[in-house]
N, C-alpha and C. Protein backbone atom coordinates (compact mmCIF):
# COMPACT_ATOMS: atom_id res chain seq x y z
N MET A 1 0.78 -1.23 0.23
CA MET A 1 0.00 -0.07 -0.02
C MET A 1 0.79 1.26 -0.10
N GLY A 2 0.56 2.37 -0.70
CA GLY A 2 1.34 3.49 -0.94
C GLY A 2 0.94 4.16 0.48
N LYS A 3 2.17 4.92 0.77
CA LYS A 3 2.13 5.60 2.27
C LYS A 3 2.42 7.10 2.17
N ARG A 4 2.55 7.65 0.93
CA ARG A 4 3.05 9.17 0.62
C ARG A 4 1.75 9.90 0.26
N VAL A 5 1.34 11.07 1.03
CA VAL A 5 0.30 11.66 0.81
C VAL A 5 0.91 13.39 0.61
N LEU A 6 0.23 13.90 -0.24
CA LEU A 6 0.32 15.18 -0.53
C LEU A 6 -0.85 15.99 -0.26
N LEU A 7 -0.88 16.98 0.85
CA LEU A 7 -2.07 17.50 1.19
C LEU A 7 -1.89 18.97 0.63
N ILE A 8 -2.84 19.47 -0.08
CA ILE A 8 -2.67 20.65 -0.84
C ILE A 8 -3.81 21.48 -0.21
N GLU A 9 -3.40 22.46 0.92
CA GLU A 9 -4.59 23.01 1.54
C GLU A 9 -3.92 24.26 2.19
N ASP A 10 -4.73 25.25 2.35
CA ASP A 10 -4.18 26.66 2.93
C ASP A 10 -4.95 26.85 4.29
N GLU A 11 -5.57 26.02 4.81
CA GLU A 11 -6.32 26.44 6.14
C GLU A 11 -5.47 25.65 7.35
N PRO A 12 -4.54 26.39 8.05
CA PRO A 12 -3.62 25.75 9.03
C PRO A 12 -4.41 24.74 9.90
N ASN A 13 -5.49 25.08 10.32
CA ASN A 13 -6.05 23.98 11.22
C ASN A 13 -6.53 22.76 10.31
N ILE A 14 -6.94 22.84 9.47
CA ILE A 14 -7.15 21.49 8.40
C ILE A 14 -6.02 20.82 8.22
N ILE A 15 -4.90 21.54 7.79
CA ILE A 15 -3.60 20.86 7.73
C ILE A 15 -3.12 20.20 8.93
N GLU A 16 -3.22 20.93 10.03
CA GLU A 16 -2.63 20.21 11.20
C GLU A 16 -3.63 19.05 11.66
N ALA A 17 -4.87 19.06 11.42
CA ALA A 17 -5.84 17.91 11.55
C ALA A 17 -5.50 16.67 10.75
N ILE A 18 -5.47 16.93 9.54
CA ILE A 18 -5.27 15.93 8.56
C ILE A 18 -3.90 15.39 8.72
N SER A 19 -3.05 16.16 8.80
CA SER A 19 -1.37 15.47 8.91
C SER A 19 -1.40 14.86 10.26
N PHE A 20 -1.91 15.08 11.35
CA PHE A 20 -2.10 14.32 12.58
C PHE A 20 -2.68 12.83 12.40
N ILE A 21 -3.89 12.93 11.78
CA ILE A 21 -4.64 11.62 11.52
C ILE A 21 -3.93 10.77 10.47
N LEU A 22 -3.22 11.11 9.59
CA LEU A 22 -2.59 10.41 8.55
C LEU A 22 -1.45 10.01 9.11
N SER A 23 -0.55 10.95 9.69
CA SER A 23 0.73 10.54 10.42
C SER A 23 0.61 9.51 11.47
N ARG A 24 -0.26 9.65 12.12
CA ARG A 24 -0.77 8.61 13.26
C ARG A 24 -1.01 7.22 12.83
N ASP A 25 -1.29 7.11 11.47
CA ASP A 25 -1.75 5.88 10.86
C ASP A 25 -0.40 5.42 10.06
N GLY A 26 0.58 6.25 10.08
CA GLY A 26 1.69 5.62 9.47
C GLY A 26 1.93 6.28 8.06
N TRP A 27 1.28 7.19 7.60
CA TRP A 27 1.40 7.76 6.25
C TRP A 27 2.60 8.77 6.48
N ASP A 28 3.29 9.09 5.32
CA ASP A 28 4.26 10.33 5.09
C ASP A 28 3.65 11.21 4.58
N VAL A 29 3.33 12.37 5.35
CA VAL A 29 2.56 13.62 4.80
C VAL A 29 3.17 14.66 4.56
N ALA A 30 3.10 15.33 3.44
CA ALA A 30 3.86 16.40 2.81
C ALA A 30 2.82 17.37 2.67
N THR A 31 2.90 18.45 2.96
CA THR A 31 1.87 19.67 2.65
C THR A 31 2.35 20.76 1.73
N HIS A 32 1.08 21.43 1.17
CA HIS A 32 1.59 22.43 0.25
C HIS A 32 0.43 23.55 0.49
N SER A 33 0.59 24.74 0.50
CA SER A 33 -0.53 25.82 0.77
C SER A 33 -0.85 26.74 -0.41
N ASN A 34 -0.53 26.39 -1.60
CA ASN A 34 -0.98 27.43 -2.49
C ASN A 34 -1.16 26.70 -3.96
N GLY A 35 -1.92 27.48 -4.69
CA GLY A 35 -2.30 26.82 -6.07
C GLY A 35 -1.26 27.26 -7.15
N HIS A 36 -0.36 28.34 -6.88
CA HIS A 36 0.57 28.55 -7.96
C HIS A 36 1.35 27.72 -8.38
N ASP A 37 2.16 26.92 -7.52
CA ASP A 37 3.09 25.90 -7.94
C ASP A 37 2.67 24.55 -7.24
N ALA A 38 1.46 24.24 -7.21
CA ALA A 38 0.89 22.95 -6.38
C ALA A 38 1.32 21.78 -7.54
N ILE A 39 1.34 21.94 -8.82
CA ILE A 39 1.69 21.05 -9.91
C ILE A 39 3.10 20.59 -9.73
N ASP A 40 3.96 21.57 -9.44
CA ASP A 40 5.37 21.40 -9.24
C ASP A 40 5.67 20.55 -7.77
N ALA A 41 4.73 20.95 -6.90
CA ALA A 41 4.91 20.18 -5.71
C ALA A 41 4.50 18.86 -5.80
N VAL A 42 3.60 18.46 -6.63
CA VAL A 42 3.10 17.00 -7.05
C VAL A 42 4.25 16.23 -7.69
N HIS A 43 4.62 16.91 -8.65
CA HIS A 43 5.93 16.19 -9.32
C HIS A 43 7.00 16.07 -8.33
N ALA A 44 7.36 16.91 -7.69
CA ALA A 44 8.58 16.84 -6.71
C ALA A 44 8.37 15.83 -5.69
N ARG A 45 7.15 15.71 -5.26
CA ARG A 45 6.84 14.81 -3.99
C ARG A 45 6.55 13.24 -4.44
N ALA A 46 5.77 13.13 -5.63
CA ALA A 46 5.51 11.85 -6.28
C ALA A 46 4.72 11.20 -5.16
N PRO A 47 3.64 11.72 -4.73
CA PRO A 47 2.68 11.08 -3.77
C PRO A 47 1.96 9.89 -4.43
N ASP A 48 1.58 9.05 -3.45
CA ASP A 48 0.55 7.97 -3.80
C ASP A 48 -0.88 8.39 -3.95
N VAL A 49 -1.17 9.50 -3.38
CA VAL A 49 -2.32 10.05 -3.19
C VAL A 49 -2.46 11.66 -2.93
N VAL A 50 -3.39 12.52 -3.51
CA VAL A 50 -3.09 13.89 -3.28
C VAL A 50 -4.49 14.25 -2.68
N ILE A 51 -4.55 15.05 -1.51
CA ILE A 51 -5.87 15.85 -0.97
C ILE A 51 -5.80 17.13 -1.28
N LEU A 52 -6.78 17.47 -2.18
CA LEU A 52 -6.79 18.77 -2.69
C LEU A 52 -7.92 19.59 -2.29
N ASP A 53 -7.53 20.70 -1.77
CA ASP A 53 -8.67 21.86 -1.42
C ASP A 53 -9.02 22.41 -2.68
N VAL A 54 -10.36 22.82 -2.96
CA VAL A 54 -10.60 23.51 -4.04
C VAL A 54 -10.19 25.03 -4.00
N MET A 55 -10.66 25.93 -2.96
CA MET A 55 -10.26 27.23 -2.77
C MET A 55 -8.89 27.43 -2.37
N LEU A 56 -7.94 27.70 -3.31
CA LEU A 56 -6.59 27.82 -2.81
C LEU A 56 -6.13 29.30 -3.42
N PRO A 57 -5.20 29.94 -2.69
CA PRO A 57 -4.67 31.20 -3.26
C PRO A 57 -3.79 30.85 -4.45
N GLY A 58 -4.13 31.62 -5.71
CA GLY A 58 -3.28 31.50 -6.81
C GLY A 58 -4.02 30.52 -8.10
N LYS A 59 -4.52 29.59 -7.55
CA LYS A 59 -5.19 28.65 -8.65
C LYS A 59 -6.09 27.67 -7.99
N SER A 60 -7.24 27.60 -8.50
CA SER A 60 -8.15 26.77 -7.78
C SER A 60 -7.77 25.17 -8.05
N GLY A 61 -8.51 24.31 -7.11
CA GLY A 61 -8.05 23.00 -6.95
C GLY A 61 -8.54 22.33 -8.36
N TYR A 62 -9.77 22.76 -8.97
CA TYR A 62 -10.31 22.04 -10.12
C TYR A 62 -9.50 22.46 -11.21
N ASP A 63 -8.72 23.59 -11.39
CA ASP A 63 -7.71 23.94 -12.34
C ASP A 63 -6.65 23.10 -12.11
N ILE A 64 -6.05 22.83 -10.97
CA ILE A 64 -5.02 22.10 -10.70
C ILE A 64 -5.22 20.48 -11.03
N LEU A 65 -6.32 20.26 -10.59
CA LEU A 65 -6.87 18.65 -10.88
C LEU A 65 -6.90 18.45 -12.41
N SER A 66 -7.35 19.53 -13.15
CA SER A 66 -7.36 19.39 -14.72
C SER A 66 -6.19 19.24 -15.23
N GLU A 67 -5.17 19.91 -14.62
CA GLU A 67 -3.63 19.88 -15.14
C GLU A 67 -3.12 18.62 -14.93
N LEU A 68 -3.43 18.10 -13.68
CA LEU A 68 -2.88 16.71 -13.22
C LEU A 68 -3.47 15.82 -14.13
N ARG A 69 -4.86 15.69 -14.40
CA ARG A 69 -5.31 14.84 -15.58
C ARG A 69 -4.69 14.81 -16.90
N ALA A 70 -4.36 15.98 -17.31
CA ALA A 70 -3.82 16.32 -18.64
C ALA A 70 -2.69 15.55 -18.82
N ASP A 71 -1.73 15.58 -17.70
CA ASP A 71 -0.51 15.12 -17.61
C ASP A 71 -0.27 13.63 -17.64
N THR A 72 0.54 12.97 -18.40
CA THR A 72 0.51 11.24 -18.45
C THR A 72 1.10 10.82 -17.14
N HIS A 73 2.00 11.57 -16.64
CA HIS A 73 2.48 11.16 -15.49
C HIS A 73 1.62 11.36 -14.27
N THR A 74 0.60 11.94 -14.36
CA THR A 74 -0.22 12.30 -13.10
C THR A 74 -1.91 11.75 -13.36
N GLN A 75 -2.04 11.35 -14.68
CA GLN A 75 -3.51 11.26 -14.98
C GLN A 75 -4.28 10.25 -14.14
N ASN A 76 -3.49 9.27 -13.63
CA ASN A 76 -4.33 8.18 -12.85
C ASN A 76 -3.76 8.40 -11.33
N LEU A 77 -3.41 9.64 -10.78
CA LEU A 77 -2.96 9.58 -9.52
C LEU A 77 -4.56 10.03 -8.82
N PRO A 78 -4.75 9.07 -7.67
CA PRO A 78 -5.78 9.29 -6.97
C PRO A 78 -5.87 10.57 -6.11
N VAL A 79 -6.86 11.38 -6.35
CA VAL A 79 -7.01 12.81 -5.85
C VAL A 79 -8.34 12.87 -5.11
N LEU A 80 -8.19 13.12 -3.67
CA LEU A 80 -9.50 13.46 -2.98
C LEU A 80 -9.73 15.02 -2.91
N ILE A 81 -10.59 15.42 -3.51
CA ILE A 81 -11.22 16.80 -3.45
C ILE A 81 -11.87 16.87 -2.03
N LEU A 82 -11.16 18.11 -1.33
CA LEU A 82 -11.63 18.55 -0.23
C LEU A 82 -12.29 19.87 -0.17
N THR A 83 -13.55 20.32 0.09
CA THR A 83 -14.01 21.48 -0.07
C THR A 83 -15.11 21.87 0.97
N ALA A 84 -15.17 23.27 0.99
CA ALA A 84 -16.30 23.61 2.07
C ALA A 84 -17.51 23.96 1.45
N ARG A 85 -17.21 23.75 0.10
CA ARG A 85 -18.75 24.04 -0.85
C ARG A 85 -19.18 22.63 -1.40
N GLY A 86 -20.32 22.32 -0.69
CA GLY A 86 -20.66 20.91 -1.03
C GLY A 86 -21.99 20.80 -1.74
N GLN A 87 -22.44 21.82 -2.52
CA GLN A 87 -23.48 21.68 -3.46
C GLN A 87 -23.37 20.64 -4.50
N SER A 88 -24.46 20.43 -5.13
CA SER A 88 -24.41 19.38 -6.04
C SER A 88 -23.58 19.85 -7.29
N LYS A 89 -23.44 21.16 -7.59
CA LYS A 89 -22.87 21.52 -8.75
C LYS A 89 -21.26 21.69 -8.59
N ASP A 90 -21.01 21.63 -7.23
CA ASP A 90 -19.48 21.49 -7.00
C ASP A 90 -19.13 20.23 -6.87
N ARG A 91 -19.73 19.29 -6.62
CA ARG A 91 -19.68 17.75 -6.81
C ARG A 91 -19.55 17.27 -8.25
N GLU A 92 -20.40 17.85 -8.99
CA GLU A 92 -20.58 17.63 -10.34
C GLU A 92 -19.09 18.06 -11.20
N MET A 93 -18.80 19.35 -10.73
CA MET A 93 -17.58 19.95 -11.37
C MET A 93 -16.41 19.09 -10.90
N ALA A 94 -16.17 18.67 -9.62
CA ALA A 94 -15.25 17.83 -9.15
C ALA A 94 -15.25 16.36 -10.20
N GLU A 95 -16.33 15.90 -10.18
CA GLU A 95 -16.30 14.74 -11.14
C GLU A 95 -15.96 14.89 -12.34
N ARG A 96 -16.48 16.00 -13.08
CA ARG A 96 -16.14 16.42 -14.50
C ARG A 96 -14.58 16.50 -14.67
N VAL A 97 -13.97 17.27 -13.76
CA VAL A 97 -12.59 17.24 -13.85
C VAL A 97 -11.61 16.27 -13.49
N GLY A 98 -12.21 15.00 -12.98
CA GLY A 98 -11.64 13.82 -12.72
C GLY A 98 -11.27 13.63 -11.23
N ALA A 99 -12.14 14.08 -10.35
CA ALA A 99 -11.70 13.62 -8.72
C ALA A 99 -12.06 12.20 -8.66
N SER A 100 -11.04 11.67 -7.83
CA SER A 100 -11.37 10.28 -7.44
C SER A 100 -12.33 10.31 -6.47
N ARG A 101 -12.40 11.18 -5.46
CA ARG A 101 -13.34 11.24 -4.32
C ARG A 101 -13.51 12.60 -4.07
N PHE A 102 -14.68 12.88 -3.59
CA PHE A 102 -15.16 14.25 -3.10
C PHE A 102 -15.54 14.24 -1.73
N MET A 103 -15.13 15.07 -0.81
CA MET A 103 -15.56 15.21 0.50
C MET A 103 -15.71 16.81 0.98
N THR A 104 -16.67 16.95 1.88
CA THR A 104 -17.13 18.26 2.11
C THR A 104 -16.52 18.53 3.57
N LYS A 105 -16.19 19.75 3.70
CA LYS A 105 -15.56 20.17 5.08
C LYS A 105 -16.97 20.81 5.58
N PRO A 106 -17.32 20.66 7.10
CA PRO A 106 -16.34 19.71 7.89
C PRO A 106 -16.38 18.41 7.66
N PHE A 107 -15.38 17.58 8.10
CA PHE A 107 -15.38 16.10 7.78
C PHE A 107 -15.09 15.44 9.13
N ALA A 108 -15.38 14.30 8.99
CA ALA A 108 -14.94 13.35 10.19
C ALA A 108 -13.67 12.77 9.98
N ASN A 109 -12.59 12.83 10.92
CA ASN A 109 -11.27 12.49 10.64
C ASN A 109 -11.31 10.89 10.12
N ALA A 110 -12.07 10.11 10.67
CA ALA A 110 -12.06 8.54 10.11
C ALA A 110 -12.53 8.62 8.77
N ASP A 111 -13.58 9.56 8.24
CA ASP A 111 -13.91 9.61 6.88
C ASP A 111 -12.61 9.72 5.99
N VAL A 112 -11.81 10.90 6.23
CA VAL A 112 -10.62 11.15 5.54
C VAL A 112 -9.74 10.04 5.47
N LEU A 113 -9.50 9.73 6.53
CA LEU A 113 -8.34 8.22 6.67
C LEU A 113 -8.90 7.15 5.74
N ASN A 114 -10.30 6.81 5.85
CA ASN A 114 -10.64 5.68 5.17
C ASN A 114 -10.54 5.89 3.67
N ALA A 115 -11.06 7.29 3.42
CA ALA A 115 -10.96 7.50 1.80
C ALA A 115 -9.55 7.47 1.41
N VAL A 116 -8.54 7.93 1.97
CA VAL A 116 -7.15 7.87 1.75
C VAL A 116 -6.83 6.40 1.54
N LYS A 117 -7.21 5.59 2.46
CA LYS A 117 -6.89 4.19 2.24
C LYS A 117 -7.37 3.42 1.12
N GLU A 118 -8.71 3.86 0.90
CA GLU A 118 -9.49 3.31 -0.19
C GLU A 118 -8.81 3.65 -1.46
N LEU A 119 -8.57 4.91 -1.75
CA LEU A 119 -7.66 5.41 -2.89
C LEU A 119 -6.48 4.84 -3.31
N VAL A 120 -5.93 4.43 -2.31
CA VAL A 120 -4.52 3.57 -2.76
C VAL A 120 -4.63 2.11 -2.57
N ALA A 121 -5.68 1.49 -2.24
CA ALA A 121 -5.83 0.15 -2.19
C ALA A 121 -5.79 -0.50 -3.62
N PRO A 122 -5.19 -1.72 -3.64
CA PRO A 122 -4.93 -2.51 -4.92
C PRO A 122 -6.05 -2.89 -5.67
C-alpha cells in the first residue's frame, strides 16, 4: 500500500488535523499551501495520493486537478477533493475534472483516513 500523501490546503487547522490523523496511521504527509505551484509540488513529491482543497490562493483545486489529469505522469493519480462547498454543482464539477473522491468540510477524521486508504488500495 502506498504511504505518501500530499495535502494541498491553505487552512492551518485543517492541515494540522489531517496531517495528524494520517501520520498517526503511518502515512508520510507532505503539505503545500498554494495553487500557484501545486503542480510542481506534486511532481517533486511523487505522492501515492493527493488531498486537494478547491479554494486555494493562486489557482483553484479544479484547475490543478484538470492539469494533473492532462499530464500522462499524473493522469491516474488518486485525488481526494476536499471543499467547504458541498452543493451538487460543486460535486459535479469535481467529477467532471476527474476527482477520485469528493468530501465536504467539515469532515470526520475517520472519513478522511478511510477515503485515503481506499484510494490507494490495490
